[in-house]
Every structure is written in C-alpha cells, then in structure tokens.
Amino acid sequence: MIENISYAWLHDGVSLLLAPALLALLAACAIAALEAGIAVGERFNGLAKLRASGNAAHVQALARHRLERADLLARIPPMLGLMATIIPLGPGLAALGQGNPAQLASAVTVAFDATVLGLVAGIAGLVIGKLRRRWYEETLEAMEHAA
C-alpha cells in the first residue's frame, strides 16, 4: 500500500529550499568577509580604545555579542552547505537512472559548490571566533591588571 503513494510533493517542496539555501550561503560568505574586516579593525585599533575606556562591563557585553555572531557564522553555513549539497543530488541520481548523466554532473557541480561555500564561511567564522575570544580575554586581563 505504501509503495503506491507518490512523494513528488515532498520532493517539490524540498527543491524549493535550494535557491534560498544558496542565497544564504552567498550572504554568509559576504558576512564572513565583513566580519574579517571588523576583526582586523578590532585588533589594530578598536581593542586599544576599549582598553583605554576602562569600562570592563561594556567590553564584556561587546565581546559576548561579537563572539555569538562569529559562533553562528561558524555553525550555520556548513549546515546550509550540507543542505544545498543534498537537495540537488536526488534529482541528479534520478536522472542518472533515466540515462541522463549530464544532469547528474550538473547536480554534483552545484552540490560541491554549495559545500565549498558553506565550509569557507564556516571556517572564517571559526577562525574569527577563536581570535576574538583570545583578543577579548587579553584585553579584559589587561584591564583587570591596570585597575
């Protein structure tokens, strides 16, 4: 009985998620580039100003906010990349079963590109988060010793 049920509606619904996932991956890469620029500015100018302000509570709040952003950037794009990897593979494999290897090749290309975009943004978020964590800890320690 279950074999007779068509799940085309499910595939159609999932296929609608591919374009938003790819757009989100492109946006994540742009955000990663922006966050990298902000981190460079923090390292070479911003943290010294924060340290000079002497307001440790403000530094902690700012650090928490920026670290959360970097953590989200490290986690979400790889998941989106995986999602955008799997979505085109279903139709690609179905096309291969129908004797159309060109459609599979196209699907695999999209899948690998999505994987790369997700990993690039995720790696950037991970590196930025690790560096920021260390920089803010050093800044807060310096502020404690100065007080």
C-alpha atoms as a PDB file:
ATOM      1  CA  MET A   1       0.000   0.000   0.000  1.00  0.00           C
ATOM      2  CA  ILE A   2       2.731   2.497   0.926  1.00  0.00           C
ATOM      3  CA  GLU A   3       4.582   1.745  -2.337  1.00  0.00           C
ATOM      4  CA  ASN A   4       1.680   3.257  -4.286  1.00  0.00           C
ATOM      5  CA  ILE A   5       1.879   6.648  -2.539  1.00  0.00           C
ATOM      6  CA  SER A   6       3.577   9.380  -4.542  1.00  0.00           C
ATOM      7  CA  TYR A   7       6.036  11.600  -2.727  1.00  0.00           C
ATOM      8  CA  ALA A   8       6.536  14.032  -5.604  1.00  0.00           C
ATOM      9  CA  TRP A   9       5.041  16.799  -3.457  1.00  0.00           C
ATOM     10  CA  LEU A  10       7.768  16.252  -0.886  1.00  0.00           C
ATOM     11  CA  HIS A  11      10.498  16.484  -3.492  1.00  0.00           C
ATOM     12  CA  ASP A  12       8.911  19.615  -4.964  1.00  0.00           C
ATOM     13  CA  GLY A  13       8.767  21.225  -1.537  1.00  0.00           C
ATOM     14  CA  VAL A  14      12.356  20.370  -0.686  1.00  0.00           C
ATOM     15  CA  SER A  15      13.539  21.555  -4.105  1.00  0.00           C
ATOM     16  CA  LEU A  16      12.134  24.992  -3.298  1.00  0.00           C
ATOM     17  CA  LEU A  17      14.696  25.242  -0.483  1.00  0.00           C
ATOM     18  CA  LEU A  18      17.725  25.058  -2.798  1.00  0.00           C
ATOM     19  CA  ALA A  19      17.678  28.645  -4.078  1.00  0.00           C
ATOM     20  CA  PRO A  20      17.212  30.215  -0.600  1.00  0.00           C
ATOM     21  CA  ALA A  21      19.959  27.980   0.806  1.00  0.00           C
ATOM     22  CA  LEU A  22      22.365  29.042  -1.955  1.00  0.00           C
ATOM     23  CA  LEU A  23      21.484  32.714  -1.445  1.00  0.00           C
ATOM     24  CA  ALA A  24      22.017  32.315   2.298  1.00  0.00           C
ATOM     25  CA  LEU A  25      25.417  30.730   1.611  1.00  0.00           C
ATOM     26  CA  LEU A  26      26.432  33.648  -0.587  1.00  0.00           C
ATOM     27  CA  ALA A  27      25.248  36.051   2.108  1.00  0.00           C
ATOM     28  CA  ALA A  28      27.200  34.089   4.736  1.00  0.00           C
ATOM     29  CA  CYS A  29      30.379  34.432   2.665  1.00  0.00           C
ATOM     30  CA  ALA A  30      29.785  38.185   2.387  1.00  0.00           C
ATOM     31  CA  ILE A  31      29.151  38.397   6.129  1.00  0.00           C
ATOM     32  CA  ALA A  32      32.344  36.405   6.764  1.00  0.00           C
ATOM     33  CA  ALA A  33      34.329  38.921   4.711  1.00  0.00           C
ATOM     34  CA  LEU A  34      32.697  41.787   6.611  1.00  0.00           C
ATOM     35  CA  GLU A  35      33.385  40.124   9.964  1.00  0.00           C
ATOM     36  CA  ALA A  36      37.014  39.575   8.980  1.00  0.00           C
ATOM     37  CA  GLY A  37      37.336  43.290   8.231  1.00  0.00           C
ATOM     38  CA  ILE A  38      35.727  44.201  11.532  1.00  0.00           C
ATOM     39  CA  ALA A  39      38.062  41.800  13.349  1.00  0.00           C
ATOM     40  CA  VAL A  40      41.120  43.403  11.724  1.00  0.00           C
ATOM     41  CA  GLY A  41      39.855  46.805  12.818  1.00  0.00           C
ATOM     42  CA  GLU A  42      39.318  45.491  16.344  1.00  0.00           C
ATOM     43  CA  ARG A  43      42.786  44.042  16.532  1.00  0.00           C
ATOM     44  CA  PHE A  44      44.670  47.090  15.298  1.00  0.00           C
ATOM     45  CA  ASN A  45      42.575  49.904  16.735  1.00  0.00           C
ATOM     46  CA  GLY A  46      39.334  49.000  18.482  1.00  0.00           C
ATOM     47  CA  LEU A  47      40.617  46.889  21.356  1.00  0.00           C
ATOM     48  CA  ALA A  48      43.139  49.527  22.408  1.00  0.00           C
ATOM     49  CA  LYS A  49      40.346  52.116  22.579  1.00  0.00           C
ATOM     50  CA  LEU A  50      38.182  49.727  24.564  1.00  0.00           C
ATOM     51  CA  ARG A  51      41.027  49.019  26.958  1.00  0.00           C
ATOM     52  CA  ALA A  52      41.633  52.753  27.400  1.00  0.00           C
ATOM     53  CA  SER A  53      37.954  53.347  28.185  1.00  0.00           C
ATOM     54  CA  GLY A  54      38.290  51.263  31.349  1.00  0.00           C
ATOM     55  CA  ASN A  55      34.693  50.042  31.083  1.00  0.00           C
ATOM     56  CA  ALA A  56      35.053  46.283  31.530  1.00  0.00           C
ATOM     57  CA  ALA A  57      31.293  45.673  31.536  1.00  0.00           C
ATOM     58  CA  HIS A  58      30.990  47.311  28.120  1.00  0.00           C
ATOM     59  CA  VAL A  59      33.918  45.267  26.800  1.00  0.00           C
ATOM     60  CA  GLN A  60      32.342  42.036  28.103  1.00  0.00           C
ATOM     61  CA  ALA A  61      28.976  42.849  26.514  1.00  0.00           C
ATOM     62  CA  LEU A  62      30.599  43.751  23.208  1.00  0.00           C
ATOM     63  CA  ALA A  63      32.752  40.614  23.301  1.00  0.00           C
ATOM     64  CA  ARG A  64      29.736  38.416  24.005  1.00  0.00           C
ATOM     65  CA  HIS A  65      27.805  39.952  21.101  1.00  0.00           C
ATOM     66  CA  ARG A  66      30.670  39.649  18.622  1.00  0.00           C
ATOM     67  CA  LEU A  67      31.601  36.130  19.716  1.00  0.00           C
ATOM     68  CA  GLU A  68      27.984  34.991  19.318  1.00  0.00           C
ATOM     69  CA  ARG A  69      27.994  36.370  15.776  1.00  0.00           C
ATOM     70  CA  ALA A  70      31.209  34.533  14.958  1.00  0.00           C
ATOM     71  CA  ASP A  71      29.896  31.318  16.524  1.00  0.00           C
ATOM     72  CA  LEU A  72      26.731  31.482  14.419  1.00  0.00           C
ATOM     73  CA  LEU A  73      28.875  32.079  11.348  1.00  0.00           C
ATOM     74  CA  ALA A  74      30.960  29.025  12.226  1.00  0.00           C
ATOM     75  CA  ARG A  75      27.920  26.756  12.644  1.00  0.00           C
ATOM     76  CA  ILE A  76      25.110  27.743  10.291  1.00  0.00           C
ATOM     77  CA  PRO A  77      26.822  27.974   6.864  1.00  0.00           C
ATOM     78  CA  PRO A  78      28.214  24.421   6.997  1.00  0.00           C
ATOM     79  CA  MET A  79      24.702  23.135   7.745  1.00  0.00           C
ATOM     80  CA  LEU A  80      23.284  25.181   4.873  1.00  0.00           C
ATOM     81  CA  GLY A  81      26.079  23.859   2.673  1.00  0.00           C
ATOM     82  CA  LEU A  82      25.150  20.307   3.554  1.00  0.00           C
ATOM     83  CA  MET A  83      21.505  21.016   2.846  1.00  0.00           C
ATOM     84  CA  ALA A  84      22.352  22.594  -0.513  1.00  0.00           C
ATOM     85  CA  THR A  85      24.602  19.620  -1.253  1.00  0.00           C
ATOM     86  CA  ILE A  86      21.954  17.003  -0.693  1.00  0.00           C
ATOM     87  CA  ILE A  87      18.996  18.734  -2.378  1.00  0.00           C
ATOM     88  CA  PRO A  88      20.303  18.594  -5.983  1.00  0.00           C
ATOM     89  CA  LEU A  89      21.678  15.070  -5.641  1.00  0.00           C
ATOM     90  CA  GLY A  90      18.220  13.441  -5.515  1.00  0.00           C
ATOM     91  CA  PRO A  91      17.152  14.682  -8.956  1.00  0.00           C
ATOM     92  CA  GLY A  92      20.668  14.072 -10.269  1.00  0.00           C
ATOM     93  CA  LEU A  93      20.616  10.443  -9.231  1.00  0.00           C
ATOM     94  CA  ALA A  94      17.098  10.055 -10.623  1.00  0.00           C
ATOM     95  CA  ALA A  95      18.326  11.481 -13.934  1.00  0.00           C
ATOM     96  CA  LEU A  96      21.206   9.013 -13.966  1.00  0.00           C
ATOM     97  CA  GLY A  97      18.679   6.221 -13.529  1.00  0.00           C
ATOM     98  CA  GLN A  98      16.903   7.546 -16.612  1.00  0.00           C
ATOM     99  CA  GLY A  99      20.120   7.591 -18.624  1.00  0.00           C
ATOM    100  CA  ASN A 100      20.955  11.303 -18.310  1.00  0.00           C
ATOM    101  CA  PRO A 101      24.459  11.552 -16.799  1.00  0.00           C
ATOM    102  CA  ALA A 102      24.776  15.215 -17.842  1.00  0.00           C
ATOM    103  CA  GLN A 103      22.040  16.190 -15.377  1.00  0.00           C
ATOM    104  CA  LEU A 104      23.840  14.256 -12.637  1.00  0.00           C
ATOM    105  CA  ALA A 105      27.074  16.070 -13.481  1.00  0.00           C
ATOM    106  CA  SER A 106      25.284  19.404 -13.197  1.00  0.00           C
ATOM    107  CA  ALA A 107      23.721  18.420  -9.867  1.00  0.00           C
ATOM    108  CA  VAL A 108      27.057  17.250  -8.466  1.00  0.00           C
ATOM    109  CA  THR A 109      28.684  20.533  -9.508  1.00  0.00           C
ATOM    110  CA  VAL A 110      26.040  22.539  -7.638  1.00  0.00           C
ATOM    111  CA  ALA A 111      26.386  20.201  -4.669  1.00  0.00           C
ATOM    112  CA  PHE A 112      30.158  20.593  -4.436  1.00  0.00           C
ATOM    113  CA  ASP A 113      29.989  24.369  -4.913  1.00  0.00           C
ATOM    114  CA  ALA A 114      27.469  24.605  -2.069  1.00  0.00           C
ATOM    115  CA  THR A 115      29.716  22.502   0.140  1.00  0.00           C
ATOM    116  CA  VAL A 116      32.676  24.766  -0.541  1.00  0.00           C
ATOM    117  CA  LEU A 117      30.688  27.940   0.178  1.00  0.00           C
ATOM    118  CA  GLY A 118      29.449  26.521   3.468  1.00  0.00           C
ATOM    119  CA  LEU A 119      32.917  25.458   4.528  1.00  0.00           C
ATOM    120  CA  VAL A 120      34.535  28.773   3.544  1.00  0.00           C
ATOM    121  CA  ALA A 121      32.069  30.787   5.606  1.00  0.00           C
ATOM    122  CA  GLY A 122      32.200  28.295   8.490  1.00  0.00           C
ATOM    123  CA  ILE A 123      35.993  28.266   8.608  1.00  0.00           C
ATOM    124  CA  ALA A 124      36.053  32.049   8.555  1.00  0.00           C
ATOM    125  CA  GLY A 125      33.606  32.158  11.448  1.00  0.00           C
ATOM    126  CA  LEU A 126      35.635  29.627  13.414  1.00  0.00           C
ATOM    127  CA  VAL A 127      38.923  31.477  12.924  1.00  0.00           C
ATOM    128  CA  ILE A 128      37.388  34.866  13.670  1.00  0.00           C
ATOM    129  CA  GLY A 129      35.724  33.498  16.793  1.00  0.00           C
ATOM    130  CA  LYS A 130      38.906  31.898  18.121  1.00  0.00           C
ATOM    131  CA  LEU A 131      40.964  35.033  17.504  1.00  0.00           C
ATOM    132  CA  ARG A 132      38.334  37.336  19.001  1.00  0.00           C
ATOM    133  CA  ARG A 133      37.981  35.141  22.068  1.00  0.00           C
ATOM    134  CA  ARG A 134      41.718  35.374  22.709  1.00  0.00           C
ATOM    135  CA  TRP A 135      41.873  39.113  21.986  1.00  0.00           C
ATOM    136  CA  TYR A 136      38.991  39.963  24.293  1.00  0.00           C
ATOM    137  CA  GLU A 137      40.364  37.751  27.074  1.00  0.00           C
ATOM    138  CA  GLU A 138      43.732  39.516  26.787  1.00  0.00           C
ATOM    139  CA  THR A 139      42.027  42.906  26.788  1.00  0.00           C
ATOM    140  CA  LEU A 140      39.960  42.098  29.865  1.00  0.00           C
ATOM    141  CA  GLU A 141      43.016  40.697  31.676  1.00  0.00           C
ATOM    142  CA  ALA A 142      44.969  43.869  30.864  1.00  0.00           C
ATOM    143  CA  MET A 143      42.074  45.964  32.179  1.00  0.00           C
ATOM    144  CA  GLU A 144      41.985  43.938  35.415  1.00  0.00           C
ATOM    145  CA  HIS A 145      45.733  44.371  35.943  1.00  0.00           C
ATOM    146  CA  ALA A 146      45.507  48.105  35.253  1.00  0.00           C
ATOM    147  CA  ALA A 147      42.697  48.545  37.785  1.00  0.00           C
END
